[in-house]
Each structure stands twice: as structure tokens, then as C-alpha cells.
Amino acid sequence: MNTFKQTLKKVLPQPMLEAARETYDAAARLPEWTAATFNPLRRSSIAGLKALKDTHKGERCFIIGNGPSLRQTDLTRLRSEATLGVNRIYLAFPEMGFPTTYYVSMNNLVIEQCAADIQALAMPRFIAWRSNRYLKPADDLYFLYTSYTGPKFGGADITGRLWEGATVTYVALQVAFYLGFSTAILIGVDHNFTTQGKPNSTVVSEGPDPNHFNPNYFGKGFRWQLPDLDTSERGYAMARQAYEAAGRQVLDATVGGKLQIFPKVDYTSLF
């Protein structure tokens, strides 16, 4: 099978190869698509999502990643700002003094191990449909149909399939676009991990977490997946193109961040 795939890569033009790959991926996604389209829980989410479209038209928001740089970022300045927090950002709420406006989590391992924490959050939450079994339905809980294949930017309509781009931040950018924000500002998106290994492989933390703002973020015994920074960059590039084509912008105010896709801006200059 590997030899066959290698042969196809050599003989087929790149556009044709991409089209063939997308066709194959679409067929493989069909069983999941059926449930994500017709399941009553998903239908309820779709209806709720439609009511949210462009509710923040023309506003700015901050998308808060979870990198160590958050320890050098004064998050208290965001009290009156619209914010989208991801994964275990709620560990920072006590120090911030307030919760984020929205919450986004796509990773199965995070949702499974932190289901009780996520369930208890009191803000609109956008969660991967495939992880719906870990959470009880709620009026402010929206299940997004996301996939690992079929790269695209789906911010114009998040009621359909979204590509995850190997990072929850990419999904957050699509959500922010759908909500109508004209400017999305990234903070805490360090794009740099101390722990190394094969991208997307699952590992078990052996001690304090050096890759996030809190050593207990993925503490000892926590199962998590190693980052795929190359795929993330592909998604980020697509996000920048989509925002700019719509007359919007994504700015990167991460303190010392390594990501080079978006225009950089000094965090303190934004207030």
C-alpha cells in the first residue's frame, strides 16, 4: 500500500493528487457526517450556532492560548474585552479574576479527562462533536463537527464541517470569524514546545508541565498528544488569508512567541 501511494505521488500532478486525497477523505468521513448532520443533539447545536452568527460584528477579541508566555502577560487587562479561551484556560481564571467570554476545546483526551471541569463552566462552550459522550447537553454547549482531514477555513459557517488544523487555536479563529469579530488577537500562542517527539502521538506526562502556563496543566499522569506545528502553520496561513480577504485581521500579541504567520503587535500597546 505504501509503495502504491508513493507511485501515485510520482505520476499524478499535485492538484489531481490533492483532489484524489480529498475524495478519499470525504468518503471515509461519511459515517461520521451522517450523525453530525442528523443527530438531534447536533441539530440543536446547529440551531443555536445560527443564532450566534455575527453577534460581535465589527468588534475585536482576544484568543487566549495556554503557553508559558501567559505568565508574562497581564490578563487582568482583558476584563472588559471579548475573549475566547481554550482547553484548560480555566486554571487561570482565579488569577485573572474573571472567566473568558467563550470556551473552545476539540481534543478528545482533554475533553475526556477534564469533562467535569468543562461541564461546570458557565459560558458558551464550543466542543468537538466526537466527544459529545463525555458531556451532558446544555443550552450554552455547542457541538462542532470537526475533522483531521480536508484542510479548509470554515469560519463563514461553523454549522458544517471544520478542519482542526492540528490546534484548537485554529478552530477558535474559525469560531471568532463566524461570530463576526473584525480583529482577532492571539496571546499565549507560544508555538514552541519543550517536549519533543512524533507529532500527534499520545504520551503520558511524567511530571510538572513545562509547555503551558501552569505546571498542573498536563500534570503527572495526564494523557496528551504531541504538537504538529507544521500542520498548525498551514492552518494559520489559511486563517490569515481568509481574514484578510474579508477585510479583517489576525494579530499576534504573544510575548516572545515563535509563530511567524501573523503580524506582530505589542500586547501593552493594545490598551
C-alpha atoms as a PDB file:
ATOM      1  CA  MET A   1       0.000   0.000   0.000  1.00  0.00           C
ATOM      2  CA  ASN A   2       2.818   2.417   0.829  1.00  0.00           C
ATOM      3  CA  THR A   3       4.514   1.619  -2.492  1.00  0.00           C
ATOM      4  CA  PHE A   4       1.252   2.316  -4.325  1.00  0.00           C
ATOM      5  CA  LYS A   5       0.867   5.676  -2.583  1.00  0.00           C
ATOM      6  CA  GLN A   6       4.447   6.613  -3.407  1.00  0.00           C
ATOM      7  CA  THR A   7       3.867   5.729  -7.061  1.00  0.00           C
ATOM      8  CA  LEU A   8       0.762   7.923  -7.183  1.00  0.00           C
ATOM      9  CA  LYS A   9       2.712  10.837  -5.764  1.00  0.00           C
ATOM     10  CA  LYS A  10       5.267  10.491  -8.556  1.00  0.00           C
ATOM     11  CA  VAL A  11       2.894  10.135 -11.518  1.00  0.00           C
ATOM     12  CA  LEU A  12      -0.053  12.377 -10.575  1.00  0.00           C
ATOM     13  CA  PRO A  13       0.084  16.194 -10.780  1.00  0.00           C
ATOM     14  CA  GLN A  14      -0.217  17.823  -7.348  1.00  0.00           C
ATOM     15  CA  PRO A  15      -3.710  19.289  -7.937  1.00  0.00           C
ATOM     16  CA  MET A  16      -5.005  15.890  -9.059  1.00  0.00           C
ATOM     17  CA  LEU A  17      -3.341  14.203  -6.103  1.00  0.00           C
ATOM     18  CA  GLU A  18      -4.967  16.671  -3.704  1.00  0.00           C
ATOM     19  CA  ALA A  19      -8.364  16.117  -5.332  1.00  0.00           C
ATOM     20  CA  ALA A  20      -7.987  12.335  -5.036  1.00  0.00           C
ATOM     21  CA  ARG A  21      -6.972  12.640  -1.388  1.00  0.00           C
ATOM     22  CA  GLU A  22      -9.962  14.879  -0.614  1.00  0.00           C
ATOM     23  CA  THR A  23     -12.345  12.449  -2.338  1.00  0.00           C
ATOM     24  CA  TYR A  24     -10.952   9.555  -0.309  1.00  0.00           C
ATOM     25  CA  ASP A  25     -11.103  11.553   2.927  1.00  0.00           C
ATOM     26  CA  ALA A  26     -14.672  12.645   2.238  1.00  0.00           C
ATOM     27  CA  ALA A  27     -15.746   9.034   1.721  1.00  0.00           C
ATOM     28  CA  ALA A  28     -14.033   7.983   4.958  1.00  0.00           C
ATOM     29  CA  ARG A  29     -15.837  10.778   6.839  1.00  0.00           C
ATOM     30  CA  LEU A  30     -19.287   9.759   5.568  1.00  0.00           C
ATOM     31  CA  PRO A  31     -20.388   7.673   8.592  1.00  0.00           C
ATOM     32  CA  GLU A  32     -19.424  10.474  10.993  1.00  0.00           C
ATOM     33  CA  TRP A  33     -21.026  13.093   8.747  1.00  0.00           C
ATOM     34  CA  THR A  34     -24.407  11.341   8.929  1.00  0.00           C
ATOM     35  CA  ALA A  35     -24.558  11.547  12.734  1.00  0.00           C
ATOM     36  CA  ALA A  36     -23.066  15.049  12.769  1.00  0.00           C
ATOM     37  CA  THR A  37     -25.821  16.200  10.424  1.00  0.00           C
ATOM     38  CA  PHE A  38     -28.948  14.413  11.590  1.00  0.00           C
ATOM     39  CA  ASN A  39     -28.436  13.567  15.262  1.00  0.00           C
ATOM     40  CA  PRO A  40     -30.963  15.559  17.371  1.00  0.00           C
ATOM     41  CA  LEU A  41     -28.204  16.842  19.657  1.00  0.00           C
ATOM     42  CA  ARG A  42     -26.277  18.150  16.675  1.00  0.00           C
ATOM     43  CA  ARG A  43     -29.414  19.626  15.145  1.00  0.00           C
ATOM     44  CA  SER A  44     -29.944  21.542  18.382  1.00  0.00           C
ATOM     45  CA  SER A  45     -26.350  22.790  18.268  1.00  0.00           C
ATOM     46  CA  ILE A  46     -26.735  23.887  14.657  1.00  0.00           C
ATOM     47  CA  ALA A  47     -29.827  25.903  15.529  1.00  0.00           C
ATOM     48  CA  GLY A  48     -28.035  27.544  18.439  1.00  0.00           C
ATOM     49  CA  LEU A  49     -24.991  28.333  16.324  1.00  0.00           C
ATOM     50  CA  LYS A  50     -27.100  30.057  13.692  1.00  0.00           C
ATOM     51  CA  ALA A  51     -28.391  32.427  16.360  1.00  0.00           C
ATOM     52  CA  LEU A  52     -24.808  33.389  17.254  1.00  0.00           C
ATOM     53  CA  LYS A  53     -23.651  34.362  13.764  1.00  0.00           C
ATOM     54  CA  ASP A  54     -22.251  37.909  13.543  1.00  0.00           C
ATOM     55  CA  THR A  55     -23.317  38.772  17.090  1.00  0.00           C
ATOM     56  CA  HIS A  56     -19.929  40.505  17.519  1.00  0.00           C
ATOM     57  CA  LYS A  57     -19.734  42.078  14.084  1.00  0.00           C
ATOM     58  CA  GLY A  58     -17.007  44.708  13.872  1.00  0.00           C
ATOM     59  CA  GLU A  59     -15.622  44.055  17.363  1.00  0.00           C
ATOM     60  CA  ARG A  60     -12.226  42.764  18.454  1.00  0.00           C
ATOM     61  CA  CYS A  61     -11.485  39.689  20.531  1.00  0.00           C
ATOM     62  CA  PHE A  62      -8.552  38.024  22.226  1.00  0.00           C
ATOM     63  CA  ILE A  63      -7.913  34.335  21.626  1.00  0.00           C
ATOM     64  CA  ILE A  64      -6.017  33.090  24.672  1.00  0.00           C
ATOM     65  CA  GLY A  65      -3.650  30.173  24.139  1.00  0.00           C
ATOM     66  CA  ASN A  66      -2.079  28.287  27.012  1.00  0.00           C
ATOM     67  CA  GLY A  67       1.656  28.792  26.543  1.00  0.00           C
ATOM     68  CA  PRO A  68       4.124  29.706  29.320  1.00  0.00           C
ATOM     69  CA  SER A  69       4.127  33.284  27.998  1.00  0.00           C
ATOM     70  CA  LEU A  70       0.802  33.863  29.751  1.00  0.00           C
ATOM     71  CA  ARG A  71       2.861  34.174  32.935  1.00  0.00           C
ATOM     72  CA  GLN A  72       4.372  37.327  31.399  1.00  0.00           C
ATOM     73  CA  THR A  73       1.017  38.633  30.161  1.00  0.00           C
ATOM     74  CA  ASP A  74      -1.230  40.820  32.310  1.00  0.00           C
ATOM     75  CA  LEU A  75      -4.531  39.052  31.732  1.00  0.00           C
ATOM     76  CA  THR A  76      -6.398  41.372  34.097  1.00  0.00           C
ATOM     77  CA  ARG A  77      -6.434  43.909  31.256  1.00  0.00           C
ATOM     78  CA  LEU A  78      -8.903  41.689  29.425  1.00  0.00           C
ATOM     79  CA  ARG A  79     -11.746  42.074  31.924  1.00  0.00           C
ATOM     80  CA  SER A  80     -13.789  44.274  29.575  1.00  0.00           C
ATOM     81  CA  GLU A  81     -12.689  42.522  26.373  1.00  0.00           C
ATOM     82  CA  ALA A  82     -14.314  39.686  24.430  1.00  0.00           C
ATOM     83  CA  THR A  83     -12.172  36.582  24.940  1.00  0.00           C
ATOM     84  CA  LEU A  84     -12.025  33.023  23.663  1.00  0.00           C
ATOM     85  CA  GLY A  85     -10.192  30.626  25.977  1.00  0.00           C
ATOM     86  CA  VAL A  86      -9.137  27.107  25.064  1.00  0.00           C
ATOM     87  CA  ASN A  87      -8.651  23.729  26.744  1.00  0.00           C
ATOM     88  CA  ARG A  88      -7.561  24.225  30.380  1.00  0.00           C
ATOM     89  CA  ILE A  89      -7.533  28.031  30.368  1.00  0.00           C
ATOM     90  CA  TYR A  90      -9.925  27.910  33.334  1.00  0.00           C
ATOM     91  CA  LEU A  91      -6.893  27.166  35.537  1.00  0.00           C
ATOM     92  CA  ALA A  92      -6.012  30.846  35.043  1.00  0.00           C
ATOM     93  CA  PHE A  93      -9.451  32.197  35.999  1.00  0.00           C
ATOM     94  CA  PRO A  94      -8.692  32.645  39.736  1.00  0.00           C
ATOM     95  CA  GLU A  95      -5.665  34.818  38.957  1.00  0.00           C
ATOM     96  CA  MET A  96      -7.462  36.672  36.152  1.00  0.00           C
ATOM     97  CA  GLY A  97     -10.421  37.370  38.401  1.00  0.00           C
ATOM     98  CA  PHE A  98     -12.970  36.578  35.686  1.00  0.00           C
ATOM     99  CA  PRO A  99     -13.762  33.846  33.127  1.00  0.00           C
ATOM    100  CA  THR A 100     -13.353  34.090  29.371  1.00  0.00           C
ATOM    101  CA  THR A 101     -16.358  35.095  27.274  1.00  0.00           C
ATOM    102  CA  TYR A 102     -16.259  31.865  25.277  1.00  0.00           C
ATOM    103  CA  TYR A 103     -14.563  28.489  25.629  1.00  0.00           C
ATOM    104  CA  VAL A 104     -13.278  26.132  22.906  1.00  0.00           C
ATOM    105  CA  SER A 105     -11.953  22.564  23.192  1.00  0.00           C
ATOM    106  CA  MET A 106     -11.524  19.975  20.443  1.00  0.00           C
ATOM    107  CA  ASN A 107      -9.051  17.369  21.712  1.00  0.00           C
ATOM    108  CA  ASN A 108     -10.617  14.074  22.796  1.00  0.00           C
ATOM    109  CA  LEU A 109      -8.038  13.462  25.510  1.00  0.00           C
ATOM    110  CA  VAL A 110      -8.540  16.896  27.060  1.00  0.00           C
ATOM    111  CA  ILE A 111     -12.325  16.660  26.978  1.00  0.00           C
ATOM    112  CA  GLU A 112     -12.387  13.118  28.350  1.00  0.00           C
ATOM    113  CA  GLN A 113     -10.049  13.846  31.263  1.00  0.00           C
ATOM    114  CA  CYS A 114     -11.477  17.285  32.047  1.00  0.00           C
ATOM    115  CA  ALA A 115     -15.167  16.638  31.357  1.00  0.00           C
ATOM    116  CA  ALA A 116     -16.322  17.601  34.856  1.00  0.00           C
ATOM    117  CA  ASP A 117     -14.397  20.902  34.697  1.00  0.00           C
ATOM    118  CA  ILE A 118     -15.778  21.728  31.243  1.00  0.00           C
ATOM    119  CA  GLN A 119     -19.321  20.809  32.253  1.00  0.00           C
ATOM    120  CA  ALA A 120     -19.137  23.230  35.183  1.00  0.00           C
ATOM    121  CA  LEU A 121     -18.038  26.243  33.111  1.00  0.00           C
ATOM    122  CA  ALA A 122     -20.648  28.981  32.863  1.00  0.00           C
ATOM    123  CA  MET A 123     -20.134  30.438  29.381  1.00  0.00           C
ATOM    124  CA  PRO A 124     -20.903  29.396  25.792  1.00  0.00           C
ATOM    125  CA  ARG A 125     -18.682  26.397  25.028  1.00  0.00           C
ATOM    126  CA  PHE A 126     -17.709  25.026  21.622  1.00  0.00           C
ATOM    127  CA  ILE A 127     -16.821  21.339  21.844  1.00  0.00           C
ATOM    128  CA  ALA A 128     -15.848  18.661  19.303  1.00  0.00           C
ATOM    129  CA  TRP A 129     -18.880  16.604  18.280  1.00  0.00           C
ATOM    130  CA  ARG A 130     -16.900  13.360  18.507  1.00  0.00           C
ATOM    131  CA  SER A 131     -16.503  13.972  22.256  1.00  0.00           C
ATOM    132  CA  ASN A 132     -20.189  14.553  22.991  1.00  0.00           C
ATOM    133  CA  ARG A 133     -20.389  11.325  25.024  1.00  0.00           C
ATOM    134  CA  TYR A 134     -18.320  12.893  27.795  1.00  0.00           C
ATOM    135  CA  LEU A 135     -20.684  15.830  28.416  1.00  0.00           C
ATOM    136  CA  LYS A 136     -24.336  16.368  29.224  1.00  0.00           C
ATOM    137  CA  PRO A 137     -26.357  18.580  26.866  1.00  0.00           C
ATOM    138  CA  ALA A 138     -26.772  22.215  27.930  1.00  0.00           C
ATOM    139  CA  ASP A 139     -28.220  25.336  26.343  1.00  0.00           C
ATOM    140  CA  ASP A 140     -24.796  27.003  26.081  1.00  0.00           C
ATOM    141  CA  LEU A 141     -22.934  23.891  24.894  1.00  0.00           C
ATOM    142  CA  TYR A 142     -22.386  23.798  21.129  1.00  0.00           C
ATOM    143  CA  PHE A 143     -21.014  20.701  19.418  1.00  0.00           C
ATOM    144  CA  LEU A 144     -18.911  21.398  16.321  1.00  0.00           C
ATOM    145  CA  TYR A 145     -18.379  18.783  13.631  1.00  0.00           C
ATOM    146  CA  THR A 146     -14.626  18.826  13.113  1.00  0.00           C
ATOM    147  CA  SER A 147     -12.218  16.576  11.243  1.00  0.00           C
ATOM    148  CA  TYR A 148      -8.492  15.926  10.962  1.00  0.00           C
ATOM    149  CA  THR A 149      -8.584  15.788   7.148  1.00  0.00           C
ATOM    150  CA  GLY A 150      -9.736  18.036   4.320  1.00  0.00           C
ATOM    151  CA  PRO A 151      -7.882  21.302   5.005  1.00  0.00           C
ATOM    152  CA  LYS A 152     -10.080  24.375   4.727  1.00  0.00           C
ATOM    153  CA  PHE A 153     -11.107  27.510   6.614  1.00  0.00           C
ATOM    154  CA  GLY A 154     -14.739  27.163   7.658  1.00  0.00           C
ATOM    155  CA  GLY A 155     -15.264  30.388   9.567  1.00  0.00           C
ATOM    156  CA  ALA A 156     -18.032  31.568   7.249  1.00  0.00           C
ATOM    157  CA  ASP A 157     -20.281  28.771   8.500  1.00  0.00           C
ATOM    158  CA  ILE A 158     -19.253  26.716  11.533  1.00  0.00           C
ATOM    159  CA  THR A 159     -22.501  24.746  11.440  1.00  0.00           C
ATOM    160  CA  GLY A 160     -20.835  22.497   8.849  1.00  0.00           C
ATOM    161  CA  ARG A 161     -17.560  20.603   8.912  1.00  0.00           C
ATOM    162  CA  LEU A 162     -14.477  22.386  10.251  1.00  0.00           C
ATOM    163  CA  TRP A 163     -10.882  21.336   9.784  1.00  0.00           C
ATOM    164  CA  GLU A 164      -8.987  21.301  13.095  1.00  0.00           C
ATOM    165  CA  GLY A 165      -5.598  22.254  11.690  1.00  0.00           C
ATOM    166  CA  ALA A 166      -3.860  20.296  14.476  1.00  0.00           C
ATOM    167  CA  THR A 167      -4.567  23.012  17.038  1.00  0.00           C
ATOM    168  CA  VAL A 168      -7.595  24.256  18.936  1.00  0.00           C
ATOM    169  CA  THR A 169      -6.426  27.808  18.221  1.00  0.00           C
ATOM    170  CA  TYR A 170      -7.230  27.326  14.536  1.00  0.00           C
ATOM    171  CA  VAL A 171     -10.771  26.261  15.440  1.00  0.00           C
ATOM    172  CA  ALA A 172     -11.043  29.287  17.742  1.00  0.00           C
ATOM    173  CA  LEU A 173     -10.084  31.527  14.815  1.00  0.00           C
ATOM    174  CA  GLN A 174     -12.896  29.993  12.764  1.00  0.00           C
ATOM    175  CA  VAL A 175     -15.362  30.490  15.625  1.00  0.00           C
ATOM    176  CA  ALA A 176     -14.252  34.118  16.065  1.00  0.00           C
ATOM    177  CA  PHE A 177     -14.740  34.744  12.352  1.00  0.00           C
ATOM    178  CA  TYR A 178     -18.246  33.278  12.477  1.00  0.00           C
ATOM    179  CA  LEU A 179     -19.138  35.421  15.491  1.00  0.00           C
ATOM    180  CA  GLY A 180     -18.246  38.447  13.372  1.00  0.00           C
ATOM    181  CA  PHE A 181     -15.108  39.742  15.064  1.00  0.00           C
ATOM    182  CA  SER A 182     -13.160  42.012  12.728  1.00  0.00           C
ATOM    183  CA  THR A 183      -9.901  41.645  14.674  1.00  0.00           C
ATOM    184  CA  ALA A 184      -8.699  38.531  16.465  1.00  0.00           C
ATOM    185  CA  ILE A 185      -5.643  38.974  18.686  1.00  0.00           C
ATOM    186  CA  LEU A 186      -3.618  35.945  19.740  1.00  0.00           C
ATOM    187  CA  ILE A 187      -1.905  35.771  23.122  1.00  0.00           C
ATOM    188  CA  GLY A 188      -0.307  32.793  24.808  1.00  0.00           C
ATOM    189  CA  VAL A 189       0.204  31.089  21.442  1.00  0.00           C
ATOM    190  CA  ASP A 190       3.895  30.375  22.005  1.00  0.00           C
ATOM    191  CA  HIS A 191       4.149  27.857  19.142  1.00  0.00           C
ATOM    192  CA  ASN A 192       7.070  26.284  20.951  1.00  0.00           C
ATOM    193  CA  PHE A 193       7.183  23.079  22.995  1.00  0.00           C
ATOM    194  CA  THR A 194       9.911  21.759  25.250  1.00  0.00           C
ATOM    195  CA  THR A 195       8.658  18.181  24.968  1.00  0.00           C
ATOM    196  CA  GLN A 196       9.722  16.627  21.667  1.00  0.00           C
ATOM    197  CA  GLY A 197       8.553  13.556  19.756  1.00  0.00           C
ATOM    198  CA  LYS A 198       6.472  12.346  16.817  1.00  0.00           C
ATOM    199  CA  PRO A 199       3.687  14.847  16.057  1.00  0.00           C
ATOM    200  CA  ASN A 200       0.188  13.787  17.159  1.00  0.00           C
ATOM    201  CA  SER A 201       1.452  10.793  19.124  1.00  0.00           C
ATOM    202  CA  THR A 202      -0.081  10.237  22.563  1.00  0.00           C
ATOM    203  CA  VAL A 203       2.203  10.468  25.585  1.00  0.00           C
ATOM    204  CA  VAL A 204       1.698  10.434  29.348  1.00  0.00           C
ATOM    205  CA  SER A 205       3.098  13.317  31.371  1.00  0.00           C
ATOM    206  CA  GLU A 206       5.731  12.215  33.871  1.00  0.00           C
ATOM    207  CA  GLY A 207       5.834  15.355  35.982  1.00  0.00           C
ATOM    208  CA  PRO A 208       5.158  19.112  36.011  1.00  0.00           C
ATOM    209  CA  ASP A 209       4.151  20.533  32.623  1.00  0.00           C
ATOM    210  CA  PRO A 210       6.843  22.780  31.064  1.00  0.00           C
ATOM    211  CA  ASN A 211       4.826  23.543  27.933  1.00  0.00           C
ATOM    212  CA  HIS A 212       1.925  25.523  29.411  1.00  0.00           C
ATOM    213  CA  PHE A 213       1.283  28.396  31.817  1.00  0.00           C
ATOM    214  CA  ASN A 214       0.516  26.105  34.746  1.00  0.00           C
ATOM    215  CA  PRO A 215       2.713  23.131  35.804  1.00  0.00           C
ATOM    216  CA  ASN A 216      -0.513  21.219  36.531  1.00  0.00           C
ATOM    217  CA  TYR A 217      -1.944  21.893  33.079  1.00  0.00           C
ATOM    218  CA  PHE A 218      -0.900  18.475  31.767  1.00  0.00           C
ATOM    219  CA  GLY A 219       0.423  17.264  35.121  1.00  0.00           C
ATOM    220  CA  LYS A 220       1.801  13.864  36.018  1.00  0.00           C
ATOM    221  CA  GLY A 221      -0.304  11.041  34.590  1.00  0.00           C
ATOM    222  CA  PHE A 222      -2.194  13.242  32.108  1.00  0.00           C
ATOM    223  CA  ARG A 223      -2.501  11.786  28.602  1.00  0.00           C
ATOM    224  CA  TRP A 224      -1.927  14.282  25.785  1.00  0.00           C
ATOM    225  CA  GLN A 225      -0.849  14.498  22.165  1.00  0.00           C
ATOM    226  CA  LEU A 226       2.421  15.985  20.979  1.00  0.00           C
ATOM    227  CA  PRO A 227       2.015  19.076  18.767  1.00  0.00           C
ATOM    228  CA  ASP A 228       2.079  19.111  14.980  1.00  0.00           C
ATOM    229  CA  LEU A 229       3.466  22.590  14.396  1.00  0.00           C
ATOM    230  CA  ASP A 230       3.812  22.216  10.614  1.00  0.00           C
ATOM    231  CA  THR A 231       0.122  21.409  10.158  1.00  0.00           C
ATOM    232  CA  SER A 232      -0.772  24.202  12.573  1.00  0.00           C
ATOM    233  CA  GLU A 233       1.163  26.679  10.460  1.00  0.00           C
ATOM    234  CA  ARG A 234      -0.698  25.529   7.370  1.00  0.00           C
ATOM    235  CA  GLY A 235      -3.964  26.266   9.136  1.00  0.00           C
ATOM    236  CA  TYR A 236      -2.793  29.606  10.447  1.00  0.00           C
ATOM    237  CA  ALA A 237      -1.781  30.663   6.924  1.00  0.00           C
ATOM    238  CA  MET A 238      -5.269  29.775   5.699  1.00  0.00           C
ATOM    239  CA  ALA A 239      -6.792  31.771   8.550  1.00  0.00           C
ATOM    240  CA  ARG A 240      -4.720  34.846   7.722  1.00  0.00           C
ATOM    241  CA  GLN A 241      -5.729  34.641   4.080  1.00  0.00           C
ATOM    242  CA  ALA A 242      -9.436  34.267   4.934  1.00  0.00           C
ATOM    243  CA  TYR A 243      -9.449  37.142   7.423  1.00  0.00           C
ATOM    244  CA  GLU A 244      -7.614  39.495   5.089  1.00  0.00           C
ATOM    245  CA  ALA A 245      -9.836  38.577   2.135  1.00  0.00           C
ATOM    246  CA  ALA A 246     -12.824  39.611   4.264  1.00  0.00           C
ATOM    247  CA  GLY A 247     -11.207  42.898   5.284  1.00  0.00           C
ATOM    248  CA  ARG A 248     -10.433  41.605   8.767  1.00  0.00           C
ATOM    249  CA  GLN A 249      -7.182  40.833  10.576  1.00  0.00           C
ATOM    250  CA  VAL A 250      -5.442  38.464  12.956  1.00  0.00           C
ATOM    251  CA  LEU A 251      -2.697  39.952  15.131  1.00  0.00           C
ATOM    252  CA  ASP A 252      -0.180  38.105  17.285  1.00  0.00           C
ATOM    253  CA  ALA A 253       0.483  39.740  20.650  1.00  0.00           C
ATOM    254  CA  THR A 254       2.060  36.662  22.252  1.00  0.00           C
ATOM    255  CA  VAL A 255       5.001  37.664  24.435  1.00  0.00           C
ATOM    256  CA  GLY A 256       8.096  36.073  22.852  1.00  0.00           C
ATOM    257  CA  GLY A 257       6.019  33.799  20.619  1.00  0.00           C
ATOM    258  CA  LYS A 258       7.708  31.799  17.856  1.00  0.00           C
ATOM    259  CA  LEU A 259       4.811  31.873  15.384  1.00  0.00           C
ATOM    260  CA  GLN A 260       5.653  33.936  12.299  1.00  0.00           C
ATOM    261  CA  ILE A 261       2.395  33.768  10.328  1.00  0.00           C
ATOM    262  CA  PHE A 262       0.549  36.829  11.640  1.00  0.00           C
ATOM    263  CA  PRO A 263       1.611  40.468  12.067  1.00  0.00           C
ATOM    264  CA  LYS A 264       3.176  41.042  15.489  1.00  0.00           C
ATOM    265  CA  VAL A 265       1.909  43.666  17.911  1.00  0.00           C
ATOM    266  CA  ASP A 266       2.999  44.674  21.390  1.00  0.00           C
ATOM    267  CA  TYR A 267       0.396  43.493  23.902  1.00  0.00           C
ATOM    268  CA  THR A 268       0.587  46.577  26.128  1.00  0.00           C
ATOM    269  CA  SER A 269       0.044  48.894  23.137  1.00  0.00           C
ATOM    270  CA  LEU A 270      -3.465  47.493  22.650  1.00  0.00           C
ATOM    271  CA  PHE A 271      -4.900  49.234  25.719  1.00  0.00           C
END
